[in-house]
Amino acid sequence: MVDLGKYAVPVIGSYVASLALLAALVGLTVWQGARMVRALRQAEADAEAAAQATETDHAH
């Protein structure tokens, strides 16, 4: 391992902070992606229901 001397704590701390921020960014992206998939599925279901209701209204 590389001897960082008196800079070991700041360098290792920077690596830990960078990895934590990267993990948070990935987690947030995955969470938002899943949320958007749910919203899209709901919007498609609502549009389908509205289309069926319109077809039913025109049939009478």
PDB file of N, CA and C in Angstrom:
ATOM      1  N   MET A   1       0.846  -1.181   0.000  1.00  0.00           N
ATOM      2  CA  MET A   1       0.000   0.000   0.000  1.00  0.00           C
ATOM      3  C   MET A   1       0.883   1.233   0.000  1.00  0.00           C
ATOM      4  N   VAL A   2       0.359   2.297  -0.557  1.00  0.00           N
ATOM      5  CA  VAL A   2       1.097   3.546  -0.660  1.00  0.00           C
ATOM      6  C   VAL A   2       1.112   4.238   0.698  1.00  0.00           C
ATOM      7  N   ASP A   3       2.272   4.740   1.074  1.00  0.00           N
ATOM      8  CA  ASP A   3       2.384   5.478   2.335  1.00  0.00           C
ATOM      9  C   ASP A   3       2.010   6.932   2.072  1.00  0.00           C
ATOM     10  N   LEU A   4       0.906   7.367   2.612  1.00  0.00           N
ATOM     11  CA  LEU A   4       0.435   8.726   2.384  1.00  0.00           C
ATOM     12  C   LEU A   4       0.912   9.699   3.454  1.00  0.00           C
ATOM     13  N   GLY A   5       1.551   9.176   4.466  1.00  0.00           N
ATOM     14  CA  GLY A   5       2.093  10.030   5.520  1.00  0.00           C
ATOM     15  C   GLY A   5       1.020  10.837   6.212  1.00  0.00           C
ATOM     16  N   LYS A   6       1.284  12.114   6.375  1.00  0.00           N
ATOM     17  CA  LYS A   6       0.351  12.968   7.105  1.00  0.00           C
ATOM     18  C   LYS A   6      -0.928  13.256   6.324  1.00  0.00           C
ATOM     19  N   TYR A   7      -0.954  12.877   5.049  1.00  0.00           N
ATOM     20  CA  TYR A   7      -2.143  13.121   4.217  1.00  0.00           C
ATOM     21  C   TYR A   7      -3.094  11.920   4.161  1.00  0.00           C
ATOM     22  N   ALA A   8      -2.779  10.878   4.892  1.00  0.00           N
ATOM     23  CA  ALA A   8      -3.577   9.649   4.828  1.00  0.00           C
ATOM     24  C   ALA A   8      -5.038   9.903   5.204  1.00  0.00           C
ATOM     25  N   VAL A   9      -5.284  10.599   6.291  1.00  0.00           N
ATOM     26  CA  VAL A   9      -6.659  10.812   6.745  1.00  0.00           C
ATOM     27  C   VAL A   9      -7.457  11.647   5.737  1.00  0.00           C
ATOM     28  N   PRO A  10      -6.928  12.772   5.249  1.00  0.00           N
ATOM     29  CA  PRO A  10      -7.713  13.534   4.259  1.00  0.00           C
ATOM     30  C   PRO A  10      -7.939  12.763   2.952  1.00  0.00           C
ATOM     31  N   VAL A  11      -6.947  12.021   2.489  1.00  0.00           N
ATOM     32  CA  VAL A  11      -7.089  11.287   1.231  1.00  0.00           C
ATOM     33  C   VAL A  11      -8.106  10.162   1.388  1.00  0.00           C
ATOM     34  N   ILE A  12      -7.976   9.390   2.444  1.00  0.00           N
ATOM     35  CA  ILE A  12      -8.924   8.288   2.665  1.00  0.00           C
ATOM     36  C   ILE A  12     -10.324   8.852   2.913  1.00  0.00           C
ATOM     37  N   GLY A  13     -10.419   9.919   3.652  1.00  0.00           N
ATOM     38  CA  GLY A  13     -11.708  10.568   3.879  1.00  0.00           C
ATOM     39  C   GLY A  13     -12.336  11.042   2.574  1.00  0.00           C
ATOM     40  N   SER A  14     -11.526  11.565   1.690  1.00  0.00           N
ATOM     41  CA  SER A  14     -12.033  12.006   0.389  1.00  0.00           C
ATOM     42  C   SER A  14     -12.546  10.830  -0.423  1.00  0.00           C
ATOM     43  N   TYR A  15     -11.825   9.713  -0.394  1.00  0.00           N
ATOM     44  CA  TYR A  15     -12.282   8.511  -1.095  1.00  0.00           C
ATOM     45  C   TYR A  15     -13.611   8.014  -0.516  1.00  0.00           C
ATOM     46  N   VAL A  16     -13.713   7.988   0.788  1.00  0.00           N
ATOM     47  CA  VAL A  16     -14.949   7.529   1.438  1.00  0.00           C
ATOM     48  C   VAL A  16     -16.110   8.458   1.078  1.00  0.00           C
ATOM     49  N   ALA A  17     -15.877   9.756   1.144  1.00  0.00           N
ATOM     50  CA  ALA A  17     -16.929  10.717   0.806  1.00  0.00           C
ATOM     51  C   ALA A  17     -17.342  10.579  -0.657  1.00  0.00           C
ATOM     52  N   SER A  18     -16.380  10.416  -1.543  1.00  0.00           N
ATOM     53  CA  SER A  18     -16.687  10.258  -2.967  1.00  0.00           C
ATOM     54  C   SER A  18     -17.502   8.999  -3.214  1.00  0.00           C
ATOM     55  N   LEU A  19     -17.120   7.896  -2.589  1.00  0.00           N
ATOM     56  CA  LEU A  19     -17.867   6.651  -2.765  1.00  0.00           C
ATOM     57  C   LEU A  19     -19.272   6.753  -2.185  1.00  0.00           C
ATOM     58  N   ALA A  20     -19.407   7.433  -1.058  1.00  0.00           N
ATOM     59  CA  ALA A  20     -20.729   7.612  -0.449  1.00  0.00           C
ATOM     60  C   ALA A  20     -21.623   8.456  -1.344  1.00  0.00           C
ATOM     61  N   LEU A  21     -21.088   9.529  -1.890  1.00  0.00           N
ATOM     62  CA  LEU A  21     -21.869  10.371  -2.796  1.00  0.00           C
ATOM     63  C   LEU A  21     -22.237   9.626  -4.073  1.00  0.00           C
ATOM     64  N   LEU A  22     -21.313   8.842  -4.592  1.00  0.00           N
ATOM     65  CA  LEU A  22     -21.591   8.052  -5.789  1.00  0.00           C
ATOM     66  C   LEU A  22     -22.684   7.020  -5.519  1.00  0.00           C
ATOM     67  N   ALA A  23     -22.611   6.355  -4.390  1.00  0.00           N
ATOM     68  CA  ALA A  23     -23.637   5.375  -4.017  1.00  0.00           C
ATOM     69  C   ALA A  23     -24.997   6.058  -3.842  1.00  0.00           C
ATOM     70  N   ALA A  24     -25.005   7.241  -3.240  1.00  0.00           N
ATOM     71  CA  ALA A  24     -26.257   7.979  -3.065  1.00  0.00           C
ATOM     72  C   ALA A  24     -26.837   8.383  -4.418  1.00  0.00           C
ATOM     73  N   LEU A  25     -25.998   8.806  -5.333  1.00  0.00           N
ATOM     74  CA  LEU A  25     -26.447   9.201  -6.661  1.00  0.00           C
ATOM     75  C   LEU A  25     -27.029   8.012  -7.416  1.00  0.00           C
ATOM     76  N   VAL A  26     -26.371   6.870  -7.350  1.00  0.00           N
ATOM     77  CA  VAL A  26     -26.879   5.660  -8.004  1.00  0.00           C
ATOM     78  C   VAL A  26     -28.201   5.236  -7.370  1.00  0.00           C
ATOM     79  N   GLY A  27     -28.274   5.249  -6.049  1.00  0.00           N
ATOM     80  CA  GLY A  27     -29.507   4.886  -5.356  1.00  0.00           C
ATOM     81  C   GLY A  27     -30.654   5.802  -5.720  1.00  0.00           C
ATOM     82  N   LEU A  28     -30.400   7.100  -5.763  1.00  0.00           N
ATOM     83  CA  LEU A  28     -31.424   8.072  -6.128  1.00  0.00           C
ATOM     84  C   LEU A  28     -31.900   7.844  -7.556  1.00  0.00           C
ATOM     85  N   THR A  29     -30.975   7.556  -8.456  1.00  0.00           N
ATOM     86  CA  THR A  29     -31.324   7.317  -9.852  1.00  0.00           C
ATOM     87  C   THR A  29     -32.192   6.071  -9.998  1.00  0.00           C
ATOM     88  N   VAL A  30     -31.836   5.012  -9.297  1.00  0.00           N
ATOM     89  CA  VAL A  30     -32.630   3.777  -9.343  1.00  0.00           C
ATOM     90  C   VAL A  30     -34.020   4.026  -8.759  1.00  0.00           C
ATOM     91  N   TRP A  31     -34.098   4.725  -7.643  1.00  0.00           N
ATOM     92  CA  TRP A  31     -35.377   5.026  -6.998  1.00  0.00           C
ATOM     93  C   TRP A  31     -36.267   5.871  -7.913  1.00  0.00           C
ATOM     94  N   GLN A  32     -35.693   6.912  -8.534  1.00  0.00           N
ATOM     95  CA  GLN A  32     -36.475   7.758  -9.436  1.00  0.00           C
ATOM     96  C   GLN A  32     -36.916   6.984 -10.666  1.00  0.00           C
ATOM     97  N   GLY A  33     -36.066   6.103 -11.168  1.00  0.00           N
ATOM     98  CA  GLY A  33     -36.434   5.284 -12.314  1.00  0.00           C
ATOM     99  C   GLY A  33     -37.622   4.394 -12.000  1.00  0.00           C
ATOM    100  N   ALA A  34     -37.596   3.761 -10.847  1.00  0.00           N
ATOM    101  CA  ALA A  34     -38.705   2.901 -10.438  1.00  0.00           C
ATOM    102  C   ALA A  34     -39.973   3.719 -10.247  1.00  0.00           C
ATOM    103  N   ARG A  35     -39.841   4.897  -9.697  1.00  0.00           N
ATOM    104  CA  ARG A  35     -40.996   5.776  -9.501  1.00  0.00           C
ATOM    105  C   ARG A  35     -41.602   6.192 -10.847  1.00  0.00           C
ATOM    106  N   MET A  36     -40.751   6.486 -11.819  1.00  0.00           N
ATOM    107  CA  MET A  36     -41.239   6.882 -13.138  1.00  0.00           C
ATOM    108  C   MET A  36     -41.914   5.721 -13.860  1.00  0.00           C
ATOM    109  N   VAL A  37     -41.387   4.514 -13.681  1.00  0.00           N
ATOM    110  CA  VAL A  37     -42.020   3.333 -14.283  1.00  0.00           C
ATOM    111  C   VAL A  37     -43.428   3.158 -13.709  1.00  0.00           C
ATOM    112  N   ARG A  38     -43.563   3.294 -12.394  1.00  0.00           N
ATOM    113  CA  ARG A  38     -44.893   3.183 -11.770  1.00  0.00           C
ATOM    114  C   ARG A  38     -45.828   4.277 -12.287  1.00  0.00           C
ATOM    115  N   ALA A  39     -45.326   5.491 -12.401  1.00  0.00           N
ATOM    116  CA  ALA A  39     -46.156   6.602 -12.874  1.00  0.00           C
ATOM    117  C   ALA A  39     -46.580   6.378 -14.331  1.00  0.00           C
ATOM    118  N   LEU A  40     -45.674   5.882 -15.150  1.00  0.00           N
ATOM    119  CA  LEU A  40     -45.999   5.617 -16.543  1.00  0.00           C
ATOM    120  C   LEU A  40     -47.047   4.521 -16.655  1.00  0.00           C
ATOM    121  N   ARG A  41     -46.882   3.465 -15.888  1.00  0.00           N
ATOM    122  CA  ARG A  41     -47.880   2.388 -15.911  1.00  0.00           C
ATOM    123  C   ARG A  41     -49.247   2.896 -15.464  1.00  0.00           C
ATOM    124  N   GLN A  42     -49.278   3.748 -14.446  1.00  0.00           N
ATOM    125  CA  GLN A  42     -50.540   4.309 -13.973  1.00  0.00           C
ATOM    126  C   GLN A  42     -51.155   5.206 -15.047  1.00  0.00           C
ATOM    127  N   ALA A  43     -50.346   6.029 -15.696  1.00  0.00           N
ATOM    128  CA  ALA A  43     -50.851   6.918 -16.744  1.00  0.00           C
ATOM    129  C   ALA A  43     -51.402   6.104 -17.916  1.00  0.00           C
ATOM    130  N   GLU A  44     -50.712   5.022 -18.280  1.00  0.00           N
ATOM    131  CA  GLU A  44     -51.199   4.166 -19.353  1.00  0.00           C
ATOM    132  C   GLU A  44     -52.513   3.495 -18.965  1.00  0.00           C
ATOM    133  N   ALA A  45     -52.629   3.059 -17.729  1.00  0.00           N
ATOM    134  CA  ALA A  45     -53.866   2.434 -17.261  1.00  0.00           C
ATOM    135  C   ALA A  45     -55.005   3.451 -17.255  1.00  0.00           C
ATOM    136  N   ASP A  46     -54.713   4.682 -16.826  1.00  0.00           N
ATOM    137  CA  ASP A  46     -55.738   5.730 -16.821  1.00  0.00           C
ATOM    138  C   ASP A  46     -56.181   6.050 -18.249  1.00  0.00           C
ATOM    139  N   ALA A  47     -55.235   6.128 -19.180  1.00  0.00           N
ATOM    140  CA  ALA A  47     -55.565   6.413 -20.577  1.00  0.00           C
ATOM    141  C   ALA A  47     -56.396   5.282 -21.170  1.00  0.00           C
ATOM    142  N   GLU A  48     -56.042   4.061 -20.835  1.00  0.00           N
ATOM    143  CA  GLU A  48     -56.801   2.896 -21.310  1.00  0.00           C
ATOM    144  C   GLU A  48     -58.228   2.940 -20.767  1.00  0.00           C
ATOM    145  N   ALA A  49     -58.385   3.252 -19.499  1.00  0.00           N
ATOM    146  CA  ALA A  49     -59.709   3.332 -18.892  1.00  0.00           C
ATOM    147  C   ALA A  49     -60.524   4.456 -19.528  1.00  0.00           C
ATOM    148  N   ALA A  50     -59.888   5.587 -19.781  1.00  0.00           N
ATOM    149  CA  ALA A  50     -60.585   6.706 -20.412  1.00  0.00           C
ATOM    150  C   ALA A  50     -61.004   6.345 -21.829  1.00  0.00           C
ATOM    151  N   ALA A  51     -60.151   5.644 -22.555  1.00  0.00           N
ATOM    152  CA  ALA A  51     -60.485   5.238 -23.920  1.00  0.00           C
ATOM    153  C   ALA A  51     -61.650   4.257 -23.914  1.00  0.00           C
ATOM    154  N   GLN A  52     -61.649   3.348 -22.986  1.00  0.00           N
ATOM    155  CA  GLN A  52     -62.746   2.384 -22.897  1.00  0.00           C
ATOM    156  C   GLN A  52     -64.046   3.075 -22.500  1.00  0.00           C
ATOM    157  N   ALA A  53     -63.973   4.045 -21.619  1.00  0.00           N
ATOM    158  CA  ALA A  53     -65.169   4.785 -21.216  1.00  0.00           C
ATOM    159  C   ALA A  53     -65.716   5.576 -22.396  1.00  0.00           C
ATOM    160  N   THR A  54     -64.826   6.156 -23.210  1.00  0.00           N
ATOM    161  CA  THR A  54     -65.253   6.908 -24.384  1.00  0.00           C
ATOM    162  C   THR A  54     -65.915   5.980 -25.399  1.00  0.00           C
ATOM    163  N   GLU A  55     -65.333   4.787 -25.600  1.00  0.00           N
ATOM    164  CA  GLU A  55     -65.919   3.815 -26.518  1.00  0.00           C
ATOM    165  C   GLU A  55     -67.297   3.384 -26.040  1.00  0.00           C
ATOM    166  N   THR A  56     -67.451   3.194 -24.745  1.00  0.00           N
ATOM    167  CA  THR A  56     -68.720   2.782 -24.164  1.00  0.00           C
ATOM    168  C   THR A  56     -69.762   3.890 -24.356  1.00  0.00           C
ATOM    169  N   ASP A  57     -69.375   5.151 -24.170  1.00  0.00           N
ATOM    170  CA  ASP A  57     -70.290   6.282 -24.338  1.00  0.00           C
ATOM    171  C   ASP A  57     -70.753   6.403 -25.796  1.00  0.00           C
ATOM    172  N   HIS A  58     -69.870   6.164 -26.740  1.00  0.00           N
ATOM    173  CA  HIS A  58     -70.209   6.289 -28.151  1.00  0.00           C
ATOM    174  C   HIS A  58     -71.038   5.089 -28.629  1.00  0.00           C
ATOM    175  N   ALA A  59     -70.972   3.979 -27.937  1.00  0.00           N
ATOM    176  CA  ALA A  59     -71.715   2.803 -28.342  1.00  0.00           C
ATOM    177  C   ALA A  59     -73.202   2.935 -28.045  1.00  0.00           C
ATOM    178  N   HIS A  60     -73.568   3.789 -27.108  1.00  0.00           N
ATOM    179  CA  HIS A  60     -74.984   3.932 -26.731  1.00  0.00           C
ATOM    180  C   HIS A  60     -75.644   5.006 -27.491  1.00  0.00           C
TER     181      HIS A  60
END
